[in-house]
Amino acid sequence: GSHKGKQLANSVMKTLDEYGITEKLVSITSDNAGNCDTMLVEIREMLATKGITSKIEDQRIRCLAHIINLACQASLKIL
């Protein structure tokens, strides 16, 4: 499906609700794509409608493996 931030947020929230763990969300690990920024804002708003306050943007963990991969690709281009 779509990889737009709002669609990603809907998928994440659906999964959290399905497993009954919405209130237990501590952090989200993602890559550095801009759609993930939008997703986090959308998730914060969706959590707020459920009475759950969070600073989900501050709880984002950027995927180290993705960052290392990007750095390696950039290094290889130079070589």
N, C-alpha and C. Protein backbone atom coordinates (compact mmCIF):
# COMPACT_ATOMS: atom_id res chain seq x y z
N GLY A 1 0.81 -1.18 0.00
CA GLY A 1 0.00 0.00 0.00
C GLY A 1 0.86 1.26 0.00
N SER A 2 0.21 2.34 0.24
CA SER A 2 0.85 3.65 0.24
C SER A 2 1.86 3.76 1.39
N HIS A 3 2.94 4.48 1.12
CA HIS A 3 3.94 4.72 2.15
C HIS A 3 3.90 6.16 2.64
N LYS A 4 2.76 6.81 2.48
CA LYS A 4 2.61 8.17 2.99
C LYS A 4 2.45 8.09 4.50
N GLY A 5 2.87 9.16 5.18
CA GLY A 5 2.89 9.17 6.63
C GLY A 5 1.56 8.84 7.28
N LYS A 6 0.49 9.38 6.73
CA LYS A 6 -0.83 9.13 7.32
C LYS A 6 -1.22 7.66 7.19
N GLN A 7 -0.95 7.06 6.05
CA GLN A 7 -1.26 5.65 5.85
C GLN A 7 -0.42 4.77 6.77
N LEU A 8 0.85 5.11 6.92
CA LEU A 8 1.71 4.35 7.84
C LEU A 8 1.18 4.44 9.26
N ALA A 9 0.76 5.64 9.68
CA ALA A 9 0.22 5.83 11.03
C ALA A 9 -1.03 4.99 11.23
N ASN A 10 -1.90 4.95 10.22
CA ASN A 10 -3.11 4.13 10.32
C ASN A 10 -2.76 2.66 10.50
N SER A 11 -1.76 2.19 9.77
CA SER A 11 -1.34 0.79 9.87
C SER A 11 -0.75 0.48 11.24
N VAL A 12 0.09 1.38 11.74
CA VAL A 12 0.70 1.18 13.06
C VAL A 12 -0.38 1.15 14.14
N MET A 13 -1.29 2.12 14.10
CA MET A 13 -2.34 2.19 15.12
C MET A 13 -3.26 0.97 15.05
N LYS A 14 -3.57 0.51 13.84
CA LYS A 14 -4.42 -0.67 13.69
C LYS A 14 -3.75 -1.88 14.34
N THR A 15 -2.45 -2.01 14.13
CA THR A 15 -1.71 -3.13 14.72
C THR A 15 -1.65 -3.02 16.24
N LEU A 16 -1.36 -1.82 16.74
CA LEU A 16 -1.31 -1.62 18.19
C LEU A 16 -2.65 -1.95 18.82
N ASP A 17 -3.74 -1.49 18.21
CA ASP A 17 -5.08 -1.76 18.72
C ASP A 17 -5.42 -3.24 18.65
N GLU A 18 -5.04 -3.86 17.54
CA GLU A 18 -5.34 -5.28 17.34
C GLU A 18 -4.72 -6.14 18.43
N TYR A 19 -3.50 -5.79 18.83
CA TYR A 19 -2.81 -6.55 19.88
C TYR A 19 -3.05 -6.03 21.29
N GLY A 20 -3.82 -4.94 21.40
CA GLY A 20 -4.15 -4.39 22.71
C GLY A 20 -2.96 -3.79 23.43
N ILE A 21 -2.03 -3.20 22.67
CA ILE A 21 -0.82 -2.67 23.28
C ILE A 21 -0.65 -1.16 23.03
N THR A 22 -1.72 -0.50 22.62
CA THR A 22 -1.62 0.92 22.29
C THR A 22 -1.08 1.73 23.46
N GLU A 23 -1.54 1.43 24.67
CA GLU A 23 -1.11 2.19 25.86
C GLU A 23 0.33 1.90 26.25
N LYS A 24 0.91 0.85 25.68
CA LYS A 24 2.26 0.43 26.06
C LYS A 24 3.33 0.93 25.09
N LEU A 25 2.93 1.71 24.10
CA LEU A 25 3.88 2.22 23.12
C LEU A 25 4.92 3.11 23.80
N VAL A 26 6.18 2.75 23.65
CA VAL A 26 7.27 3.50 24.26
C VAL A 26 8.07 4.25 23.21
N SER A 27 8.34 3.59 22.09
CA SER A 27 9.13 4.22 21.04
C SER A 27 8.84 3.54 19.71
N ILE A 28 9.30 4.18 18.65
CA ILE A 28 9.16 3.63 17.31
C ILE A 28 10.52 3.73 16.63
N THR A 29 10.96 2.62 16.05
CA THR A 29 12.20 2.62 15.29
C THR A 29 11.86 2.73 13.81
N SER A 30 12.53 3.65 13.14
CA SER A 30 12.25 3.86 11.71
C SER A 30 13.50 4.36 11.01
N ASP A 31 13.41 4.43 9.69
CA ASP A 31 14.51 5.01 8.93
C ASP A 31 14.38 6.54 8.98
N ASN A 32 15.16 7.21 8.18
CA ASN A 32 15.20 8.68 8.24
C ASN A 32 14.28 9.36 7.23
N ALA A 33 13.40 8.62 6.61
CA ALA A 33 12.53 9.18 5.57
C ALA A 33 11.56 10.21 6.16
N GLY A 34 11.25 11.20 5.36
CA GLY A 34 10.35 12.27 5.78
C GLY A 34 8.95 11.78 6.10
N ASN A 35 8.51 10.70 5.41
CA ASN A 35 7.17 10.20 5.69
C ASN A 35 7.06 9.65 7.11
N CYS A 36 8.19 9.27 7.70
CA CYS A 36 8.18 8.81 9.09
C CYS A 36 7.92 9.97 10.06
N ASP A 37 8.42 11.16 9.71
CA ASP A 37 8.13 12.34 10.52
C ASP A 37 6.62 12.59 10.55
N THR A 38 6.01 12.53 9.37
CA THR A 38 4.56 12.72 9.27
C THR A 38 3.82 11.64 10.04
N MET A 39 4.30 10.41 9.91
CA MET A 39 3.67 9.29 10.62
C MET A 39 3.65 9.53 12.12
N LEU A 40 4.75 10.00 12.67
CA LEU A 40 4.84 10.22 14.11
C LEU A 40 3.86 11.31 14.58
N VAL A 41 3.73 12.36 13.80
CA VAL A 41 2.78 13.42 14.14
C VAL A 41 1.36 12.85 14.13
N GLU A 42 1.04 12.07 13.11
CA GLU A 42 -0.28 11.46 13.00
C GLU A 42 -0.55 10.50 14.16
N ILE A 43 0.45 9.70 14.53
CA ILE A 43 0.27 8.77 15.64
C ILE A 43 0.02 9.53 16.94
N ARG A 44 0.78 10.61 17.15
CA ARG A 44 0.55 11.43 18.36
C ARG A 44 -0.89 11.91 18.42
N GLU A 45 -1.41 12.38 17.28
CA GLU A 45 -2.79 12.87 17.24
C GLU A 45 -3.79 11.74 17.47
N MET A 46 -3.52 10.57 16.91
CA MET A 46 -4.42 9.43 17.11
C MET A 46 -4.41 8.97 18.56
N LEU A 47 -3.23 8.98 19.18
CA LEU A 47 -3.14 8.62 20.59
C LEU A 47 -3.91 9.61 21.46
N ALA A 48 -3.83 10.88 21.10
CA ALA A 48 -4.53 11.92 21.85
C ALA A 48 -6.04 11.69 21.84
N THR A 49 -6.58 11.21 20.72
CA THR A 49 -8.02 10.95 20.65
C THR A 49 -8.42 9.80 21.56
N LYS A 50 -7.45 8.98 21.96
CA LYS A 50 -7.70 7.87 22.88
C LYS A 50 -7.37 8.26 24.32
N GLY A 51 -7.04 9.56 24.51
CA GLY A 51 -6.69 10.03 25.85
C GLY A 51 -5.28 9.69 26.29
N ILE A 52 -4.43 9.34 25.34
CA ILE A 52 -3.04 8.99 25.63
C ILE A 52 -2.17 10.15 25.18
N THR A 53 -1.51 10.79 26.13
CA THR A 53 -0.60 11.88 25.77
C THR A 53 0.80 11.32 25.59
N SER A 54 1.47 11.80 24.55
CA SER A 54 2.83 11.34 24.31
C SER A 54 3.58 12.38 23.51
N LYS A 55 4.88 12.29 23.58
CA LYS A 55 5.76 13.09 22.74
C LYS A 55 6.46 12.11 21.81
N ILE A 56 5.66 11.46 20.98
CA ILE A 56 6.17 10.36 20.17
C ILE A 56 7.31 10.80 19.27
N GLU A 57 7.34 12.08 18.86
CA GLU A 57 8.44 12.55 18.03
C GLU A 57 9.77 12.47 18.78
N ASP A 58 9.71 12.63 20.11
CA ASP A 58 10.91 12.53 20.93
C ASP A 58 11.25 11.08 21.26
N GLN A 59 10.36 10.17 20.94
CA GLN A 59 10.55 8.76 21.26
C GLN A 59 10.96 7.95 20.03
N ARG A 60 11.35 8.65 18.99
CA ARG A 60 11.76 7.98 17.75
C ARG A 60 13.19 7.49 17.87
N ILE A 61 13.40 6.27 17.47
CA ILE A 61 14.74 5.69 17.42
C ILE A 61 15.07 5.48 15.95
N ARG A 62 16.11 6.13 15.50
CA ARG A 62 16.49 5.98 14.09
C ARG A 62 17.31 4.70 13.95
N CYS A 63 16.99 3.94 12.94
CA CYS A 63 17.59 2.63 12.72
C CYS A 63 19.08 2.75 12.40
N LEU A 64 19.92 2.24 13.30
CA LEU A 64 21.36 2.34 13.13
C LEU A 64 21.83 1.55 11.91
N ALA A 65 21.23 0.41 11.67
CA ALA A 65 21.62 -0.38 10.50
C ALA A 65 21.37 0.40 9.21
N HIS A 66 20.29 1.13 9.15
CA HIS A 66 19.98 1.94 7.96
C HIS A 66 21.01 3.06 7.81
N ILE A 67 21.36 3.70 8.90
CA ILE A 67 22.34 4.78 8.86
C ILE A 67 23.70 4.26 8.41
N ILE A 68 24.12 3.10 8.94
CA ILE A 68 25.40 2.51 8.56
C ILE A 68 25.38 2.14 7.08
N ASN A 69 24.27 1.59 6.61
CA ASN A 69 24.15 1.23 5.20
C ASN A 69 24.31 2.46 4.31
N LEU A 70 23.65 3.56 4.65
CA LEU A 70 23.77 4.79 3.87
C LEU A 70 25.20 5.31 3.87
N ALA A 71 25.86 5.25 5.02
CA ALA A 71 27.25 5.71 5.12
C ALA A 71 28.17 4.84 4.26
N CYS A 72 27.96 3.54 4.29
CA CYS A 72 28.78 2.62 3.48
C CYS A 72 28.57 2.86 1.99
N GLN A 73 27.32 3.05 1.59
CA GLN A 73 27.04 3.32 0.18
C GLN A 73 27.72 4.60 -0.28
N ALA A 74 27.67 5.63 0.55
CA ALA A 74 28.31 6.91 0.20
C ALA A 74 29.82 6.72 0.10
N SER A 75 30.39 5.95 1.01
CA SER A 75 31.85 5.70 0.99
C SER A 75 32.25 4.94 -0.26
N LEU A 76 31.47 3.95 -0.64
CA LEU A 76 31.78 3.16 -1.81
C LEU A 76 31.71 3.99 -3.09
N LYS A 77 30.82 4.95 -3.15
CA LYS A 77 30.71 5.82 -4.32
C LYS A 77 32.00 6.64 -4.50
N ILE A 78 32.59 7.04 -3.38
CA ILE A 78 33.82 7.82 -3.43
C ILE A 78 34.98 6.96 -3.94
N LEU A 79 35.01 5.69 -3.53
CA LEU A 79 36.08 4.80 -3.95
C LEU A 79 35.95 4.49 -5.41
